[in-house]
Amino acid sequence: QVQLVESGGGLVQAGGSLRLSCATSRSIFSRTNVLGWYRQVPGQQREFIAAIVKGAATKYADSVKDRFSISRDSNKNTIYLQMNSLRPEDTADYLCDAAILGEADYWGQGTQVIVSS
């Protein structure tokens, strides 16, 4: 059973923008301590991109700081990743993660982002 559903990926030219969404259930959203975005290129390790905690504090990887922004909408049980000034090296599958204390992390199936040069 899929617990998190990502959307918003696609093909974009370098310098463009995309906004990714990750929707989950109220049960998961309300119990989650940290919600985050990761990305993965086939054959490479999964890379942390951004995270937001319940108190709305955020953390970013150096590679996306000042270009990407993570936010949450508690009314919609959804987090977002606004990606600006996209680069070809941002091409990857983007996955969201819900970390709940005492439970295994929940992961979505990912949404593909392709940035053309």
C-alpha atoms as a PDB file:
ATOM      1  CA  GLN A   1       0.000   0.000   0.000  1.00  0.00           C
ATOM      2  CA  VAL A   2       1.459   3.315  -1.099  1.00  0.00           C
ATOM      3  CA  GLN A   3       1.565   5.711   1.811  1.00  0.00           C
ATOM      4  CA  LEU A   4       3.149   8.735   0.137  1.00  0.00           C
ATOM      5  CA  VAL A   5       2.419   9.888  -3.406  1.00  0.00           C
ATOM      6  CA  GLU A   6       4.718  12.263  -5.241  1.00  0.00           C
ATOM      7  CA  SER A   7       3.731  14.320  -8.275  1.00  0.00           C
ATOM      8  CA  GLY A   8       4.887  17.303 -10.289  1.00  0.00           C
ATOM      9  CA  GLY A   9       7.925  15.902 -12.027  1.00  0.00           C
ATOM     10  CA  GLY A  10       8.574  16.323 -15.715  1.00  0.00           C
ATOM     11  CA  LEU A  11      10.871  17.658 -18.373  1.00  0.00           C
ATOM     12  CA  VAL A  12      12.130  21.215 -18.015  1.00  0.00           C
ATOM     13  CA  GLN A  13      14.873  23.306 -19.589  1.00  0.00           C
ATOM     14  CA  ALA A  14      17.870  24.399 -17.581  1.00  0.00           C
ATOM     15  CA  GLY A  15      17.035  27.524 -15.622  1.00  0.00           C
ATOM     16  CA  GLY A  16      13.386  26.551 -15.326  1.00  0.00           C
ATOM     17  CA  SER A  17      11.273  25.663 -12.314  1.00  0.00           C
ATOM     18  CA  LEU A  18       9.132  22.800 -11.072  1.00  0.00           C
ATOM     19  CA  ARG A  19       7.097  22.268  -7.934  1.00  0.00           C
ATOM     20  CA  LEU A  20       6.907  18.754  -6.577  1.00  0.00           C
ATOM     21  CA  SER A  21       4.170  17.608  -4.225  1.00  0.00           C
ATOM     22  CA  CYS A  22       4.076  14.721  -1.789  1.00  0.00           C
ATOM     23  CA  ALA A  23       0.674  13.811  -0.386  1.00  0.00           C
ATOM     24  CA  THR A  24       0.027  11.418   2.429  1.00  0.00           C
ATOM     25  CA  SER A  25      -2.691  10.441   4.871  1.00  0.00           C
ATOM     26  CA  ARG A  26      -3.623  12.511   7.886  1.00  0.00           C
ATOM     27  CA  SER A  27      -2.555   9.610  10.092  1.00  0.00           C
ATOM     28  CA  ILE A  28       0.981   9.648   8.751  1.00  0.00           C
ATOM     29  CA  PHE A  29       1.237  13.418   8.411  1.00  0.00           C
ATOM     30  CA  SER A  30       0.139  14.095  11.988  1.00  0.00           C
ATOM     31  CA  ARG A  31       2.600  11.561  13.466  1.00  0.00           C
ATOM     32  CA  THR A  32       5.573  12.473  11.302  1.00  0.00           C
ATOM     33  CA  ASN A  33       8.516  14.155  12.966  1.00  0.00           C
ATOM     34  CA  VAL A  34      10.420  14.954   9.785  1.00  0.00           C
ATOM     35  CA  LEU A  35       9.299  15.040   6.164  1.00  0.00           C
ATOM     36  CA  GLY A  36      11.975  15.121   3.537  1.00  0.00           C
ATOM     37  CA  TRP A  37      12.898  14.980  -0.102  1.00  0.00           C
ATOM     38  CA  TYR A  38      15.629  12.810  -1.567  1.00  0.00           C
ATOM     39  CA  ARG A  39      16.739  12.150  -5.095  1.00  0.00           C
ATOM     40  CA  GLN A  40      18.312   9.202  -6.795  1.00  0.00           C
ATOM     41  CA  VAL A  41      20.029   8.645 -10.102  1.00  0.00           C
ATOM     42  CA  PRO A  42      20.137   4.995 -11.247  1.00  0.00           C
ATOM     43  CA  GLY A  43      23.370   3.385 -10.099  1.00  0.00           C
ATOM     44  CA  GLN A  44      24.075   6.092  -7.529  1.00  0.00           C
ATOM     45  CA  GLN A  45      23.342   6.494  -3.838  1.00  0.00           C
ATOM     46  CA  ARG A  46      20.179   8.218  -2.713  1.00  0.00           C
ATOM     47  CA  GLU A  47      20.946  11.853  -1.936  1.00  0.00           C
ATOM     48  CA  PHE A  48      19.331  14.002   0.737  1.00  0.00           C
ATOM     49  CA  ILE A  49      17.842  17.221  -0.666  1.00  0.00           C
ATOM     50  CA  ALA A  50      15.670  18.930   1.938  1.00  0.00           C
ATOM     51  CA  ALA A  51      13.723  18.302   5.116  1.00  0.00           C
ATOM     52  CA  ILE A  52      11.104  20.069   7.206  1.00  0.00           C
ATOM     53  CA  VAL A  53      10.222  19.289  10.792  1.00  0.00           C
ATOM     54  CA  LYS A  54       6.952  19.769  12.670  1.00  0.00           C
ATOM     55  CA  GLY A  55       7.994  23.153  13.927  1.00  0.00           C
ATOM     56  CA  ALA A  56       8.650  24.185  10.307  1.00  0.00           C
ATOM     57  CA  ALA A  57      12.436  24.356  10.647  1.00  0.00           C
ATOM     58  CA  THR A  58      14.098  23.385   7.385  1.00  0.00           C
ATOM     59  CA  LYS A  59      17.388  21.925   6.245  1.00  0.00           C
ATOM     60  CA  TYR A  60      18.893  21.746   2.761  1.00  0.00           C
ATOM     61  CA  ALA A  61      21.737  20.048   0.989  1.00  0.00           C
ATOM     62  CA  ASP A  62      24.425  22.489  -0.060  1.00  0.00           C
ATOM     63  CA  SER A  63      23.839  21.554  -3.703  1.00  0.00           C
ATOM     64  CA  VAL A  64      20.298  22.974  -3.672  1.00  0.00           C
ATOM     65  CA  LYS A  65      20.448  25.675  -1.027  1.00  0.00           C
ATOM     66  CA  ASP A  66      19.169  29.023  -2.355  1.00  0.00           C
ATOM     67  CA  ARG A  67      17.500  27.267  -5.325  1.00  0.00           C
ATOM     68  CA  PHE A  68      15.053  24.826  -3.719  1.00  0.00           C
ATOM     69  CA  SER A  69      12.473  25.467  -1.018  1.00  0.00           C
ATOM     70  CA  ILE A  70      10.542  22.931   1.045  1.00  0.00           C
ATOM     71  CA  SER A  71       7.183  23.708   2.611  1.00  0.00           C
ATOM     72  CA  ARG A  72       4.229  21.924   4.171  1.00  0.00           C
ATOM     73  CA  ASP A  73       0.462  22.339   4.121  1.00  0.00           C
ATOM     74  CA  SER A  74      -1.066  20.666   7.157  1.00  0.00           C
ATOM     75  CA  ASN A  75      -4.589  21.161   5.819  1.00  0.00           C
ATOM     76  CA  LYS A  76      -3.732  19.070   2.756  1.00  0.00           C
ATOM     77  CA  ASN A  77      -1.323  16.620   4.437  1.00  0.00           C
ATOM     78  CA  THR A  78       1.161  17.551   1.763  1.00  0.00           C
ATOM     79  CA  ILE A  79       4.704  18.798   1.459  1.00  0.00           C
ATOM     80  CA  TYR A  80       6.135  20.635  -1.504  1.00  0.00           C
ATOM     81  CA  LEU A  81       9.516  21.141  -3.072  1.00  0.00           C
ATOM     82  CA  GLN A  82       9.798  24.308  -5.124  1.00  0.00           C
ATOM     83  CA  MET A  83      12.763  23.929  -7.453  1.00  0.00           C
ATOM     84  CA  ASN A  84      14.114  26.995  -9.215  1.00  0.00           C
ATOM     85  CA  SER A  85      17.137  27.597 -11.445  1.00  0.00           C
ATOM     86  CA  LEU A  86      17.197  23.923 -12.351  1.00  0.00           C
ATOM     87  CA  ARG A  87      20.377  22.429 -13.744  1.00  0.00           C
ATOM     88  CA  PRO A  88      20.987  19.282 -15.796  1.00  0.00           C
ATOM     89  CA  GLU A  89      22.670  17.741 -12.741  1.00  0.00           C
ATOM     90  CA  ASP A  90      19.335  17.997 -10.891  1.00  0.00           C
ATOM     91  CA  THR A  91      17.988  15.255 -13.175  1.00  0.00           C
ATOM     92  CA  ALA A  92      16.898  12.353 -10.963  1.00  0.00           C
ATOM     93  CA  ASP A  93      13.974  10.527  -9.429  1.00  0.00           C
ATOM     94  CA  TYR A  94      12.715  12.573  -6.489  1.00  0.00           C
ATOM     95  CA  LEU A  95      11.258  10.721  -3.517  1.00  0.00           C
ATOM     96  CA  CYS A  96       9.667  11.908  -0.328  1.00  0.00           C
ATOM     97  CA  ASP A  97      10.188  10.359   3.064  1.00  0.00           C
ATOM     98  CA  ALA A  98       8.205  10.480   6.298  1.00  0.00           C
ATOM     99  CA  ALA A  99      10.149   9.751   9.474  1.00  0.00           C
ATOM    100  CA  ILE A 100       8.124   8.786  12.539  1.00  0.00           C
ATOM    101  CA  LEU A 101       9.835   8.086  15.848  1.00  0.00           C
ATOM    102  CA  GLY A 102       9.781   4.364  16.595  1.00  0.00           C
ATOM    103  CA  GLU A 103       8.640   3.336  13.114  1.00  0.00           C
ATOM    104  CA  ALA A 104      10.328   2.511   9.851  1.00  0.00           C
ATOM    105  CA  ASP A 105      10.387   5.409   7.409  1.00  0.00           C
ATOM    106  CA  TYR A 106       7.630   5.680   4.830  1.00  0.00           C
ATOM    107  CA  TRP A 107       8.727   6.299   1.240  1.00  0.00           C
ATOM    108  CA  GLY A 108       6.922   7.303  -1.895  1.00  0.00           C
ATOM    109  CA  GLN A 109       7.538   5.749  -5.300  1.00  0.00           C
ATOM    110  CA  GLY A 110       9.109   8.873  -6.728  1.00  0.00           C
ATOM    111  CA  THR A 111       8.550  11.356  -9.501  1.00  0.00           C
ATOM    112  CA  GLN A 112      11.019  11.821 -12.334  1.00  0.00           C
ATOM    113  CA  VAL A 113      12.642  15.168 -13.060  1.00  0.00           C
ATOM    114  CA  ILE A 114      14.606  15.681 -16.265  1.00  0.00           C
ATOM    115  CA  VAL A 115      16.442  18.930 -16.858  1.00  0.00           C
ATOM    116  CA  SER A 116      17.638  19.488 -20.394  1.00  0.00           C
ATOM    117  CA  SER A 117      20.609  21.679 -21.222  1.00  0.00           C
END
